[in-house]
Amino acid sequence: MVNTSWKLKPGISMDANAANEVAKIACALKSLSVYTQAVCEEDTEDSRQLKRIVDDGLEAMTRVFEW
């Protein structure tokens, strides 16, 4: 089943099934971002590293999808 709620940015070409799978990853990253913000109230190197990883993933998704 293809998720039609995600819209590819202009110029991005991807078959519908691949786009659906990438959209699942995008949803997971957005959820992880919310979780990270809630859990990482303590400013430690581990929390900063996790935030950087999540932010990098979200940035990659914004190059593919319109939010």
C-alpha atoms as a PDB file:
ATOM      1  CA  MET A   1       0.000   0.000   0.000  1.00  0.00           C
ATOM      2  CA  VAL A   2       1.381   3.398  -0.988  1.00  0.00           C
ATOM      3  CA  ASN A   3       1.130   6.232   1.505  1.00  0.00           C
ATOM      4  CA  THR A   4      -0.248   9.207  -0.433  1.00  0.00           C
ATOM      5  CA  SER A   5       0.051  11.708   2.416  1.00  0.00           C
ATOM      6  CA  TRP A   6       3.742  12.307   1.638  1.00  0.00           C
ATOM      7  CA  LYS A   7       4.458  14.564  -1.300  1.00  0.00           C
ATOM      8  CA  LEU A   8       7.809  14.407  -3.081  1.00  0.00           C
ATOM      9  CA  LYS A   9       9.514  17.721  -3.686  1.00  0.00           C
ATOM     10  CA  PRO A  10       9.640  18.998  -7.270  1.00  0.00           C
ATOM     11  CA  GLY A  11      12.529  17.416  -9.139  1.00  0.00           C
ATOM     12  CA  ILE A  12      12.609  14.282  -6.947  1.00  0.00           C
ATOM     13  CA  SER A  13      11.900  11.147  -8.949  1.00  0.00           C
ATOM     14  CA  MET A  14      11.198   7.903  -7.131  1.00  0.00           C
ATOM     15  CA  ASP A  15       8.907   4.981  -7.819  1.00  0.00           C
ATOM     16  CA  ALA A  16       5.831   4.899  -5.585  1.00  0.00           C
ATOM     17  CA  ASN A  17       6.873   1.832  -3.593  1.00  0.00           C
ATOM     18  CA  ALA A  18      10.337   3.246  -2.891  1.00  0.00           C
ATOM     19  CA  ALA A  19       8.789   6.588  -1.891  1.00  0.00           C
ATOM     20  CA  ASN A  20       6.474   4.741   0.485  1.00  0.00           C
ATOM     21  CA  GLU A  21       9.408   2.957   2.135  1.00  0.00           C
ATOM     22  CA  VAL A  22      11.388   6.200   2.446  1.00  0.00           C
ATOM     23  CA  ALA A  23       8.298   7.881   3.924  1.00  0.00           C
ATOM     24  CA  LYS A  24       8.209   5.190   6.626  1.00  0.00           C
ATOM     25  CA  ILE A  25      11.807   6.064   7.494  1.00  0.00           C
ATOM     26  CA  ALA A  26      10.876   9.749   7.550  1.00  0.00           C
ATOM     27  CA  CYS A  27       8.021   9.029   9.977  1.00  0.00           C
ATOM     28  CA  ALA A  28      10.379   7.067  12.204  1.00  0.00           C
ATOM     29  CA  LEU A  29      12.911   9.907  12.170  1.00  0.00           C
ATOM     30  CA  LYS A  30      10.270  12.480  13.045  1.00  0.00           C
ATOM     31  CA  SER A  31       9.102  10.282  15.921  1.00  0.00           C
ATOM     32  CA  LEU A  32      12.679   9.784  17.066  1.00  0.00           C
ATOM     33  CA  SER A  33      13.176  13.542  16.961  1.00  0.00           C
ATOM     34  CA  VAL A  34      10.226  14.107  19.296  1.00  0.00           C
ATOM     35  CA  TYR A  35      11.459  11.331  21.590  1.00  0.00           C
ATOM     36  CA  THR A  36      14.995  12.749  21.574  1.00  0.00           C
ATOM     37  CA  GLN A  37      13.776  16.205  22.552  1.00  0.00           C
ATOM     38  CA  ALA A  38      11.729  14.761  25.406  1.00  0.00           C
ATOM     39  CA  VAL A  39      14.434  12.431  26.731  1.00  0.00           C
ATOM     40  CA  CYS A  40      17.546  14.520  26.231  1.00  0.00           C
ATOM     41  CA  GLU A  41      16.813  17.221  28.748  1.00  0.00           C
ATOM     42  CA  GLU A  42      20.216  16.522  30.237  1.00  0.00           C
ATOM     43  CA  ASP A  43      23.021  18.137  28.270  1.00  0.00           C
ATOM     44  CA  THR A  44      25.523  15.300  27.900  1.00  0.00           C
ATOM     45  CA  GLU A  45      27.766  14.324  24.985  1.00  0.00           C
ATOM     46  CA  ASP A  46      25.539  11.294  24.335  1.00  0.00           C
ATOM     47  CA  SER A  47      22.398  13.424  24.126  1.00  0.00           C
ATOM     48  CA  ARG A  48      24.117  15.946  21.828  1.00  0.00           C
ATOM     49  CA  GLN A  49      25.391  13.142  19.578  1.00  0.00           C
ATOM     50  CA  LEU A  50      21.919  11.560  19.378  1.00  0.00           C
ATOM     51  CA  LYS A  51      20.410  14.949  18.527  1.00  0.00           C
ATOM     52  CA  ARG A  52      22.977  15.484  15.737  1.00  0.00           C
ATOM     53  CA  ILE A  53      22.212  12.060  14.242  1.00  0.00           C
ATOM     54  CA  VAL A  54      18.459  12.685  14.316  1.00  0.00           C
ATOM     55  CA  ASP A  55      18.852  16.205  12.916  1.00  0.00           C
ATOM     56  CA  ASP A  56      21.007  14.881  10.056  1.00  0.00           C
ATOM     57  CA  GLY A  57      18.312  12.336   9.197  1.00  0.00           C
ATOM     58  CA  LEU A  58      15.557  14.940   9.312  1.00  0.00           C
ATOM     59  CA  GLU A  59      17.609  17.277   7.131  1.00  0.00           C
ATOM     60  CA  ALA A  60      18.031  14.499   4.570  1.00  0.00           C
ATOM     61  CA  MET A  61      14.275  13.920   4.537  1.00  0.00           C
ATOM     62  CA  THR A  62      13.573  17.615   3.900  1.00  0.00           C
ATOM     63  CA  ARG A  63      15.627  17.320   0.719  1.00  0.00           C
ATOM     64  CA  VAL A  64      13.245  14.592  -0.496  1.00  0.00           C
ATOM     65  CA  PHE A  65       9.791  15.411   0.900  1.00  0.00           C
ATOM     66  CA  GLU A  66       7.672  18.502   1.425  1.00  0.00           C
ATOM     67  CA  TRP A  67       6.494  18.525   5.060  1.00  0.00           C
END
